[in-house]
Amino acid sequence: MTASPLPVPDIALNDGTSIPQLGFGVFLVEPGQTQETVEIALETGYRHLDTAQMYGNEREVGAAIAASGIPRDELYVTTKLNNDNHLPDDARRSLTESLDKLGLGRVDLFLIHWPLPTRYDGDFASTWRTMVELRESGGTTSVGVSNFEPEHLDRILDEVGVVPAVNQIEVNPYFTNEAARAADARHGIATEAWSPIARGRIAGDATIEGIARRVERTPAQVVLRWHLQRGDIIFPKSTHRERIEENAALFDFELSDDDLAGIAALDRGATGRTGPNPTTFTGR
């Protein structure tokens, strides 16, 4: 039986829409596990789902949505443009394919997954222009980017003149990515934080565990709450029901200003990344 929606705050986007601040991600969830996992998330009360063409599990996400019986207007669904689909015709075709796999007439948010400045003659601005056209044609309500550095944002704004609604970037306590977050804020772009608990690397961290003991929560809950109080949008992933439920239990406690500062002080700069550098990543 599907639970009532979680008490998740909405974040206002610059295009007049809004997005739930907490969602459920399916990165590295095998297609054979995806439908059941997403069904558990929806049963728990999640209503924001984040997938991607690259993940290879859009069809299974769509099957879970269909099986849930939840009205479409109660769900927020994001997918992302694959790295091999940046050319205009490929981007258009791939969104149509994504909608078919998801069983939806539109997605709520469509993102360029990576800027890929070393591919396509570095012309990610043309890809962004196509994304804007896809929004205008109705296949997606909002468009945004992912893994865009400040200079990437500046370029698409200079060449296209349309501000992304969202920039989905890596953020965790060891890589707080403040330059990218500041650029997002400067342009009125909402920040989504992927790898929010550093792919589990927070386990055993003395600062985080100390806070967790004091507030009687798990280290993961503490870090996820840190993200929420900083204003970032998050979508933690798990294939285990108990962890899915645990990651949703974030709205009945708060961290102090000292807690927030203590976690932010764990930043290690670029050495804290868990993923590739967007400036050099080729997408292969």
C-alpha atoms as a PDB file:
ATOM      1  CA  MET A   1       0.000   0.000   0.000  1.00  0.00           C
ATOM      2  CA  THR A   2       1.388   3.402  -1.004  1.00  0.00           C
ATOM      3  CA  ALA A   3       1.979   5.790   1.882  1.00  0.00           C
ATOM      4  CA  SER A   4       1.027   9.435   1.972  1.00  0.00           C
ATOM      5  CA  PRO A   5       3.656  11.740   0.494  1.00  0.00           C
ATOM      6  CA  LEU A   6       6.596  12.649   2.710  1.00  0.00           C
ATOM      7  CA  PRO A   7       6.540  16.181   4.191  1.00  0.00           C
ATOM      8  CA  VAL A   8       9.155  17.388   1.716  1.00  0.00           C
ATOM      9  CA  PRO A   9       9.607  21.142   1.163  1.00  0.00           C
ATOM     10  CA  ASP A  10       9.439  22.443  -2.393  1.00  0.00           C
ATOM     11  CA  ILE A  11      12.242  24.528  -3.862  1.00  0.00           C
ATOM     12  CA  ALA A  12      11.121  27.311  -6.203  1.00  0.00           C
ATOM     13  CA  LEU A  13      12.811  27.253  -9.601  1.00  0.00           C
ATOM     14  CA  ASN A  14      13.585  30.252 -11.776  1.00  0.00           C
ATOM     15  CA  ASP A  15      11.087  29.202 -14.463  1.00  0.00           C
ATOM     16  CA  GLY A  16       8.094  29.522 -12.153  1.00  0.00           C
ATOM     17  CA  THR A  17       7.873  25.828 -11.257  1.00  0.00           C
ATOM     18  CA  SER A  18       9.028  24.029  -8.109  1.00  0.00           C
ATOM     19  CA  ILE A  19      10.806  20.789  -7.237  1.00  0.00           C
ATOM     20  CA  PRO A  20      10.635  18.606  -4.098  1.00  0.00           C
ATOM     21  CA  GLN A  21      13.850  19.066  -2.126  1.00  0.00           C
ATOM     22  CA  LEU A  22      14.145  15.346  -1.348  1.00  0.00           C
ATOM     23  CA  GLY A  23      13.905  12.710  -4.041  1.00  0.00           C
ATOM     24  CA  PHE A  24      14.911   9.137  -4.764  1.00  0.00           C
ATOM     25  CA  GLY A  25      17.813   8.321  -7.076  1.00  0.00           C
ATOM     26  CA  VAL A  26      18.470   5.178  -9.112  1.00  0.00           C
ATOM     27  CA  PHE A  27      22.117   5.631 -10.116  1.00  0.00           C
ATOM     28  CA  LEU A  28      23.815   2.201 -10.243  1.00  0.00           C
ATOM     29  CA  VAL A  29      20.557   0.399  -9.502  1.00  0.00           C
ATOM     30  CA  GLU A  30      20.516  -2.596 -11.834  1.00  0.00           C
ATOM     31  CA  PRO A  31      17.505  -2.711 -14.172  1.00  0.00           C
ATOM     32  CA  GLY A  32      16.437  -6.023 -12.622  1.00  0.00           C
ATOM     33  CA  GLN A  33      16.196  -4.332  -9.207  1.00  0.00           C
ATOM     34  CA  THR A  34      14.868  -0.967 -10.285  1.00  0.00           C
ATOM     35  CA  GLN A  35      11.123  -1.521 -10.456  1.00  0.00           C
ATOM     36  CA  GLU A  36      10.909  -3.125  -7.019  1.00  0.00           C
ATOM     37  CA  THR A  37      13.229  -0.528  -5.512  1.00  0.00           C
ATOM     38  CA  VAL A  38      11.264   2.408  -6.910  1.00  0.00           C
ATOM     39  CA  GLU A  39       8.009   0.813  -5.805  1.00  0.00           C
ATOM     40  CA  ILE A  40       9.395   0.652  -2.248  1.00  0.00           C
ATOM     41  CA  ALA A  41      10.394   4.327  -2.486  1.00  0.00           C
ATOM     42  CA  LEU A  42       6.938   5.330  -3.669  1.00  0.00           C
ATOM     43  CA  GLU A  43       5.347   3.200  -0.935  1.00  0.00           C
ATOM     44  CA  THR A  44       7.542   5.054   1.570  1.00  0.00           C
ATOM     45  CA  GLY A  45       6.227   8.401   0.351  1.00  0.00           C
ATOM     46  CA  TYR A  46       8.848   9.658  -2.092  1.00  0.00           C
ATOM     47  CA  ARG A  47       7.317  11.538  -5.016  1.00  0.00           C
ATOM     48  CA  HIS A  48      10.471  12.813  -6.746  1.00  0.00           C
ATOM     49  CA  LEU A  49      12.398  10.319  -8.906  1.00  0.00           C
ATOM     50  CA  ASP A  50      15.777  10.960 -10.527  1.00  0.00           C
ATOM     51  CA  THR A  51      16.994   8.739 -13.374  1.00  0.00           C
ATOM     52  CA  ALA A  52      19.054   9.170 -16.557  1.00  0.00           C
ATOM     53  CA  GLN A  53      19.430   7.729 -20.021  1.00  0.00           C
ATOM     54  CA  MET A  54      22.913   6.627 -18.970  1.00  0.00           C
ATOM     55  CA  TYR A  55      21.582   4.522 -16.086  1.00  0.00           C
ATOM     56  CA  GLY A  56      19.768   2.112 -18.391  1.00  0.00           C
ATOM     57  CA  ASN A  57      16.767   1.787 -16.077  1.00  0.00           C
ATOM     58  CA  GLU A  58      14.221   4.337 -17.327  1.00  0.00           C
ATOM     59  CA  ARG A  59      11.846   1.602 -18.500  1.00  0.00           C
ATOM     60  CA  GLU A  60      11.820   0.019 -15.040  1.00  0.00           C
ATOM     61  CA  VAL A  61      11.265   3.388 -13.368  1.00  0.00           C
ATOM     62  CA  GLY A  62       8.286   3.842 -15.678  1.00  0.00           C
ATOM     63  CA  ALA A  63       6.948   0.400 -14.798  1.00  0.00           C
ATOM     64  CA  ALA A  64       7.090   1.283 -11.092  1.00  0.00           C
ATOM     65  CA  ILE A  65       5.255   4.549 -11.719  1.00  0.00           C
ATOM     66  CA  ALA A  66       2.548   2.745 -13.658  1.00  0.00           C
ATOM     67  CA  ALA A  67       2.178   0.055 -10.999  1.00  0.00           C
ATOM     68  CA  SER A  68       1.915   2.621  -8.194  1.00  0.00           C
ATOM     69  CA  GLY A  69      -1.329   4.167  -9.405  1.00  0.00           C
ATOM     70  CA  ILE A  70      -0.115   7.543  -8.144  1.00  0.00           C
ATOM     71  CA  PRO A  71      -1.559  10.391 -10.249  1.00  0.00           C
ATOM     72  CA  ARG A  72       1.000  11.884 -12.625  1.00  0.00           C
ATOM     73  CA  ASP A  73       0.605  15.379 -11.198  1.00  0.00           C
ATOM     74  CA  GLU A  74       1.744  14.117  -7.788  1.00  0.00           C
ATOM     75  CA  LEU A  75       5.110  12.939  -9.159  1.00  0.00           C
ATOM     76  CA  TYR A  76       8.257  14.804 -10.170  1.00  0.00           C
ATOM     77  CA  VAL A  77      10.414  12.892 -12.678  1.00  0.00           C
ATOM     78  CA  THR A  78      13.890  13.839 -13.885  1.00  0.00           C
ATOM     79  CA  THR A  79      15.973  12.219 -16.590  1.00  0.00           C
ATOM     80  CA  LYS A  80      19.242  13.272 -18.230  1.00  0.00           C
ATOM     81  CA  LEU A  81      20.719  13.454 -21.708  1.00  0.00           C
ATOM     82  CA  ASN A  82      23.258  10.731 -22.422  1.00  0.00           C
ATOM     83  CA  ASN A  83      26.790  11.762 -23.367  1.00  0.00           C
ATOM     84  CA  ASP A  84      26.462  10.283 -26.877  1.00  0.00           C
ATOM     85  CA  ASN A  85      23.292  12.285 -27.595  1.00  0.00           C
ATOM     86  CA  HIS A  86      24.515  15.888 -27.573  1.00  0.00           C
ATOM     87  CA  LEU A  87      23.940  16.640 -31.257  1.00  0.00           C
ATOM     88  CA  PRO A  88      20.552  18.335 -31.793  1.00  0.00           C
ATOM     89  CA  ASP A  89      18.838  15.498 -33.657  1.00  0.00           C
ATOM     90  CA  ASP A  90      20.207  12.927 -31.194  1.00  0.00           C
ATOM     91  CA  ALA A  91      18.974  14.970 -28.230  1.00  0.00           C
ATOM     92  CA  ARG A  92      15.483  15.260 -29.711  1.00  0.00           C
ATOM     93  CA  ARG A  93      15.324  11.564 -30.552  1.00  0.00           C
ATOM     94  CA  SER A  94      16.639  10.499 -27.173  1.00  0.00           C
ATOM     95  CA  LEU A  95      14.069  12.496 -25.214  1.00  0.00           C
ATOM     96  CA  THR A  96      11.326  10.835 -27.254  1.00  0.00           C
ATOM     97  CA  GLU A  97      12.858   7.455 -26.425  1.00  0.00           C
ATOM     98  CA  SER A  98      13.090   8.344 -22.733  1.00  0.00           C
ATOM     99  CA  LEU A  99       9.434   9.348 -22.629  1.00  0.00           C
ATOM    100  CA  ASP A 100       8.502   6.065 -24.290  1.00  0.00           C
ATOM    101  CA  LYS A 101      10.517   4.049 -21.773  1.00  0.00           C
ATOM    102  CA  LEU A 102       9.111   6.000 -18.834  1.00  0.00           C
ATOM    103  CA  GLY A 103       5.571   5.745 -20.209  1.00  0.00           C
ATOM    104  CA  LEU A 104       5.105   9.482 -19.766  1.00  0.00           C
ATOM    105  CA  GLY A 105       3.968  12.291 -22.018  1.00  0.00           C
ATOM    106  CA  ARG A 106       6.550  14.605 -20.512  1.00  0.00           C
ATOM    107  CA  VAL A 107       9.208  14.699 -17.810  1.00  0.00           C
ATOM    108  CA  ASP A 108       9.350  17.433 -15.214  1.00  0.00           C
ATOM    109  CA  LEU A 109      13.068  18.073 -15.665  1.00  0.00           C
ATOM    110  CA  PHE A 110      15.531  17.176 -18.423  1.00  0.00           C
ATOM    111  CA  LEU A 111      19.238  17.785 -17.798  1.00  0.00           C
ATOM    112  CA  ILE A 112      22.416  17.760 -19.867  1.00  0.00           C
ATOM    113  CA  HIS A 113      24.243  15.070 -17.888  1.00  0.00           C
ATOM    114  CA  TRP A 114      27.813  16.337 -18.489  1.00  0.00           C
ATOM    115  CA  PRO A 115      29.160  19.382 -20.357  1.00  0.00           C
ATOM    116  CA  LEU A 116      31.864  17.360 -22.183  1.00  0.00           C
ATOM    117  CA  PRO A 117      34.029  20.358 -23.137  1.00  0.00           C
ATOM    118  CA  THR A 118      36.576  18.052 -24.814  1.00  0.00           C
ATOM    119  CA  ARG A 119      33.977  16.537 -27.182  1.00  0.00           C
ATOM    120  CA  TYR A 120      31.679  17.909 -29.904  1.00  0.00           C
ATOM    121  CA  ASP A 121      34.279  20.649 -30.545  1.00  0.00           C
ATOM    122  CA  GLY A 122      33.440  21.867 -27.063  1.00  0.00           C
ATOM    123  CA  ASP A 123      30.063  23.137 -28.260  1.00  0.00           C
ATOM    124  CA  PHE A 124      27.847  22.344 -25.289  1.00  0.00           C
ATOM    125  CA  ALA A 125      26.098  25.690 -25.854  1.00  0.00           C
ATOM    126  CA  SER A 126      24.399  24.255 -28.951  1.00  0.00           C
ATOM    127  CA  THR A 127      23.269  21.307 -26.864  1.00  0.00           C
ATOM    128  CA  TRP A 128      21.816  23.722 -24.333  1.00  0.00           C
ATOM    129  CA  ARG A 129      19.999  25.599 -27.097  1.00  0.00           C
ATOM    130  CA  THR A 130      18.396  22.308 -28.157  1.00  0.00           C
ATOM    131  CA  MET A 131      17.356  21.590 -24.573  1.00  0.00           C
ATOM    132  CA  VAL A 132      15.557  24.933 -24.461  1.00  0.00           C
ATOM    133  CA  GLU A 133      13.773  24.022 -27.701  1.00  0.00           C
ATOM    134  CA  LEU A 134      12.685  20.712 -26.154  1.00  0.00           C
ATOM    135  CA  ARG A 135      11.146  22.584 -23.242  1.00  0.00           C
ATOM    136  CA  GLU A 136       9.294  24.852 -25.640  1.00  0.00           C
ATOM    137  CA  SER A 137       7.959  21.857 -27.575  1.00  0.00           C
ATOM    138  CA  GLY A 138       6.490  20.353 -24.389  1.00  0.00           C
ATOM    139  CA  GLY A 139       8.509  17.175 -23.846  1.00  0.00           C
ATOM    140  CA  THR A 140       9.814  18.536 -20.560  1.00  0.00           C
ATOM    141  CA  THR A 141       8.490  21.154 -18.171  1.00  0.00           C
ATOM    142  CA  SER A 142      11.922  22.402 -17.073  1.00  0.00           C
ATOM    143  CA  VAL A 143      15.459  22.084 -18.391  1.00  0.00           C
ATOM    144  CA  GLY A 144      18.762  22.251 -16.619  1.00  0.00           C
ATOM    145  CA  VAL A 145      22.312  21.042 -16.555  1.00  0.00           C
ATOM    146  CA  SER A 146      24.453  18.693 -14.523  1.00  0.00           C
ATOM    147  CA  ASN A 147      28.131  18.896 -13.604  1.00  0.00           C
ATOM    148  CA  PHE A 148      28.501  22.381 -15.063  1.00  0.00           C
ATOM    149  CA  GLU A 149      31.363  24.431 -13.648  1.00  0.00           C
ATOM    150  CA  PRO A 150      31.041  28.229 -13.303  1.00  0.00           C
ATOM    151  CA  GLU A 151      32.771  28.832 -16.647  1.00  0.00           C
ATOM    152  CA  HIS A 152      30.400  26.385 -18.353  1.00  0.00           C
ATOM    153  CA  LEU A 153      27.410  28.276 -16.978  1.00  0.00           C
ATOM    154  CA  ASP A 154      28.863  31.593 -18.095  1.00  0.00           C
ATOM    155  CA  ARG A 155      29.299  30.293 -21.618  1.00  0.00           C
ATOM    156  CA  ILE A 156      25.761  29.007 -22.125  1.00  0.00           C
ATOM    157  CA  LEU A 157      24.345  32.189 -20.643  1.00  0.00           C
ATOM    158  CA  ASP A 158      26.481  34.305 -22.975  1.00  0.00           C
ATOM    159  CA  GLU A 159      25.656  32.253 -26.075  1.00  0.00           C
ATOM    160  CA  VAL A 160      22.059  31.179 -25.448  1.00  0.00           C
ATOM    161  CA  GLY A 161      20.785  33.646 -22.852  1.00  0.00           C
ATOM    162  CA  VAL A 162      18.540  31.152 -21.028  1.00  0.00           C
ATOM    163  CA  VAL A 163      19.313  30.304 -17.404  1.00  0.00           C
ATOM    164  CA  PRO A 164      19.092  26.607 -16.417  1.00  0.00           C
ATOM    165  CA  ALA A 165      16.526  25.822 -13.743  1.00  0.00           C
ATOM    166  CA  VAL A 166      18.883  23.389 -12.007  1.00  0.00           C
ATOM    167  CA  ASN A 167      22.558  22.432 -11.899  1.00  0.00           C
ATOM    168  CA  GLN A 168      23.075  18.925 -10.539  1.00  0.00           C
ATOM    169  CA  ILE A 169      26.642  18.730  -9.200  1.00  0.00           C
ATOM    170  CA  GLU A 170      28.691  16.605  -6.848  1.00  0.00           C
ATOM    171  CA  VAL A 171      28.474  17.902  -3.273  1.00  0.00           C
ATOM    172  CA  ASN A 172      29.400  16.070  -0.093  1.00  0.00           C
ATOM    173  CA  PRO A 173      31.079  16.961   3.205  1.00  0.00           C
ATOM    174  CA  TYR A 174      34.534  16.293   1.732  1.00  0.00           C
ATOM    175  CA  PHE A 175      33.840  18.143  -1.527  1.00  0.00           C
ATOM    176  CA  THR A 176      31.499  21.023  -0.751  1.00  0.00           C
ATOM    177  CA  ASN A 177      31.998  22.468  -4.259  1.00  0.00           C
ATOM    178  CA  GLU A 178      31.414  25.997  -3.054  1.00  0.00           C
ATOM    179  CA  ALA A 179      32.532  27.727  -6.267  1.00  0.00           C
ATOM    180  CA  ALA A 180      29.890  25.894  -8.301  1.00  0.00           C
ATOM    181  CA  ARG A 181      27.234  26.388  -5.624  1.00  0.00           C
ATOM    182  CA  ALA A 182      28.035  30.118  -5.510  1.00  0.00           C
ATOM    183  CA  ALA A 183      27.783  30.380  -9.298  1.00  0.00           C
ATOM    184  CA  ASP A 184      24.401  28.670  -9.170  1.00  0.00           C
ATOM    185  CA  ALA A 185      23.204  31.088  -6.498  1.00  0.00           C
ATOM    186  CA  ARG A 186      24.517  34.076  -8.450  1.00  0.00           C
ATOM    187  CA  HIS A 187      22.457  33.074 -11.492  1.00  0.00           C
ATOM    188  CA  GLY A 188      19.362  31.959  -9.565  1.00  0.00           C
ATOM    189  CA  ILE A 189      19.939  28.283 -10.389  1.00  0.00           C
ATOM    190  CA  ALA A 190      18.885  25.620  -7.876  1.00  0.00           C
ATOM    191  CA  THR A 191      21.678  23.258  -6.811  1.00  0.00           C
ATOM    192  CA  GLU A 192      21.084  19.520  -6.737  1.00  0.00           C
ATOM    193  CA  ALA A 193      23.731  17.525  -4.859  1.00  0.00           C
ATOM    194  CA  TRP A 194      24.674  14.101  -6.169  1.00  0.00           C
ATOM    195  CA  SER A 195      26.762  11.684  -4.100  1.00  0.00           C
ATOM    196  CA  PRO A 196      25.473  13.468  -0.966  1.00  0.00           C
ATOM    197  CA  ILE A 197      27.071  11.046   1.507  1.00  0.00           C
ATOM    198  CA  ALA A 198      30.255  10.623  -0.562  1.00  0.00           C
ATOM    199  CA  ARG A 199      29.253   7.112  -1.608  1.00  0.00           C
ATOM    200  CA  GLY A 200      29.399   5.975   1.991  1.00  0.00           C
ATOM    201  CA  ARG A 201      32.834   7.421   2.746  1.00  0.00           C
ATOM    202  CA  ILE A 202      31.397   9.327   5.697  1.00  0.00           C
ATOM    203  CA  ALA A 203      31.311   6.073   7.692  1.00  0.00           C
ATOM    204  CA  GLY A 204      33.611   6.372  10.685  1.00  0.00           C
ATOM    205  CA  ASP A 205      34.054  10.139  10.442  1.00  0.00           C
ATOM    206  CA  ALA A 206      34.502  11.389  14.002  1.00  0.00           C
ATOM    207  CA  THR A 207      32.838  14.766  13.454  1.00  0.00           C
ATOM    208  CA  ILE A 208      29.764  13.322  11.779  1.00  0.00           C
ATOM    209  CA  GLU A 209      29.447  10.442  14.214  1.00  0.00           C
ATOM    210  CA  GLY A 210      29.700  12.831  17.156  1.00  0.00           C
ATOM    211  CA  ILE A 211      26.814  14.886  15.828  1.00  0.00           C
ATOM    212  CA  ALA A 212      24.853  11.720  15.069  1.00  0.00           C
ATOM    213  CA  ARG A 213      25.171  10.511  18.664  1.00  0.00           C
ATOM    214  CA  ARG A 214      24.030  13.845  20.020  1.00  0.00           C
ATOM    215  CA  VAL A 215      20.934  14.109  17.814  1.00  0.00           C
ATOM    216  CA  GLU A 216      20.272  10.354  17.998  1.00  0.00           C
ATOM    217  CA  ARG A 217      20.364   9.835  14.251  1.00  0.00           C
ATOM    218  CA  THR A 218      22.554   7.881  11.862  1.00  0.00           C
ATOM    219  CA  PRO A 219      25.567   9.542  10.223  1.00  0.00           C
ATOM    220  CA  ALA A 220      23.815   9.337   6.850  1.00  0.00           C
ATOM    221  CA  GLN A 221      20.735  11.102   8.219  1.00  0.00           C
ATOM    222  CA  VAL A 222      22.943  13.822   9.685  1.00  0.00           C
ATOM    223  CA  VAL A 223      24.680  14.485   6.377  1.00  0.00           C
ATOM    224  CA  LEU A 224      21.442  14.421   4.406  1.00  0.00           C
ATOM    225  CA  ARG A 225      19.944  16.883   6.868  1.00  0.00           C
ATOM    226  CA  TRP A 226      23.056  19.076   6.441  1.00  0.00           C
ATOM    227  CA  HIS A 227      22.343  19.255   2.714  1.00  0.00           C
ATOM    228  CA  LEU A 228      18.688  20.122   3.264  1.00  0.00           C
ATOM    229  CA  GLN A 229      19.465  22.926   5.699  1.00  0.00           C
ATOM    230  CA  ARG A 230      21.999  24.350   3.239  1.00  0.00           C
ATOM    231  CA  GLY A 231      19.239  24.529   0.631  1.00  0.00           C
ATOM    232  CA  ASP A 232      20.419  21.832  -1.768  1.00  0.00           C
ATOM    233  CA  ILE A 233      18.140  19.280  -3.438  1.00  0.00           C
ATOM    234  CA  ILE A 234      19.109  15.655  -2.763  1.00  0.00           C
ATOM    235  CA  PHE A 235      18.035  12.211  -3.968  1.00  0.00           C
ATOM    236  CA  PRO A 236      19.797   9.485  -1.960  1.00  0.00           C
ATOM    237  CA  LYS A 237      19.805   5.967  -3.371  1.00  0.00           C
ATOM    238  CA  SER A 238      19.469   2.557  -1.742  1.00  0.00           C
ATOM    239  CA  THR A 239      18.044  -0.817  -2.722  1.00  0.00           C
ATOM    240  CA  HIS A 240      17.188  -1.761   0.879  1.00  0.00           C
ATOM    241  CA  ARG A 241      13.791  -0.901   2.345  1.00  0.00           C
ATOM    242  CA  GLU A 242      15.128  -0.019   5.784  1.00  0.00           C
ATOM    243  CA  ARG A 243      17.693   2.405   4.321  1.00  0.00           C
ATOM    244  CA  ILE A 244      15.151   3.909   1.944  1.00  0.00           C
ATOM    245  CA  GLU A 245      12.898   4.592   4.928  1.00  0.00           C
ATOM    246  CA  GLU A 246      15.808   5.860   7.026  1.00  0.00           C
ATOM    247  CA  ASN A 247      16.827   8.325   4.311  1.00  0.00           C
ATOM    248  CA  ALA A 248      13.296   9.714   4.337  1.00  0.00           C
ATOM    249  CA  ALA A 249      13.252  10.379   8.096  1.00  0.00           C
ATOM    250  CA  LEU A 250      14.844  13.814   7.903  1.00  0.00           C
ATOM    251  CA  PHE A 251      12.101  16.236   8.831  1.00  0.00           C
ATOM    252  CA  ASP A 252      11.698  15.864  12.588  1.00  0.00           C
ATOM    253  CA  PHE A 253      15.132  17.077  13.709  1.00  0.00           C
ATOM    254  CA  GLU A 254      17.505  19.953  12.983  1.00  0.00           C
ATOM    255  CA  LEU A 255      21.227  20.565  13.111  1.00  0.00           C
ATOM    256  CA  SER A 256      22.673  23.578  14.869  1.00  0.00           C
ATOM    257  CA  ASP A 257      24.713  26.261  13.132  1.00  0.00           C
ATOM    258  CA  ASP A 258      27.804  24.773  14.770  1.00  0.00           C
ATOM    259  CA  ASP A 259      26.901  21.347  13.369  1.00  0.00           C
ATOM    260  CA  LEU A 260      26.517  22.788   9.879  1.00  0.00           C
ATOM    261  CA  ALA A 261      29.840  24.584  10.115  1.00  0.00           C
ATOM    262  CA  GLY A 262      31.607  21.540  11.544  1.00  0.00           C
ATOM    263  CA  ILE A 263      30.508  19.356   8.650  1.00  0.00           C
ATOM    264  CA  ALA A 264      31.384  22.032   6.079  1.00  0.00           C
ATOM    265  CA  ALA A 265      34.868  22.243   7.613  1.00  0.00           C
ATOM    266  CA  LEU A 266      35.522  18.656   6.500  1.00  0.00           C
ATOM    267  CA  ASP A 267      35.922  19.934   2.923  1.00  0.00           C
ATOM    268  CA  ARG A 268      39.096  18.642   1.228  1.00  0.00           C
ATOM    269  CA  GLY A 269      38.734  20.486  -2.043  1.00  0.00           C
ATOM    270  CA  ALA A 270      39.219  18.558  -5.268  1.00  0.00           C
ATOM    271  CA  THR A 271      40.683  15.562  -3.429  1.00  0.00           C
ATOM    272  CA  GLY A 272      37.260  15.013  -1.878  1.00  0.00           C
ATOM    273  CA  ARG A 273      35.612  14.243  -5.213  1.00  0.00           C
ATOM    274  CA  THR A 274      34.102  10.791  -5.673  1.00  0.00           C
ATOM    275  CA  GLY A 275      33.499  11.324  -9.396  1.00  0.00           C
ATOM    276  CA  PRO A 276      35.346  12.790 -12.378  1.00  0.00           C
ATOM    277  CA  ASN A 277      36.277  16.414 -12.965  1.00  0.00           C
ATOM    278  CA  PRO A 278      33.719  17.960 -15.361  1.00  0.00           C
ATOM    279  CA  THR A 279      36.403  20.040 -17.054  1.00  0.00           C
ATOM    280  CA  THR A 280      38.286  16.982 -18.291  1.00  0.00           C
ATOM    281  CA  PHE A 281      35.645  14.221 -18.288  1.00  0.00           C
ATOM    282  CA  THR A 282      35.057  12.783 -21.761  1.00  0.00           C
ATOM    283  CA  GLY A 283      31.965  10.775 -20.883  1.00  0.00           C
ATOM    284  CA  ARG A 284      33.571   7.503 -21.873  1.00  0.00           C
END
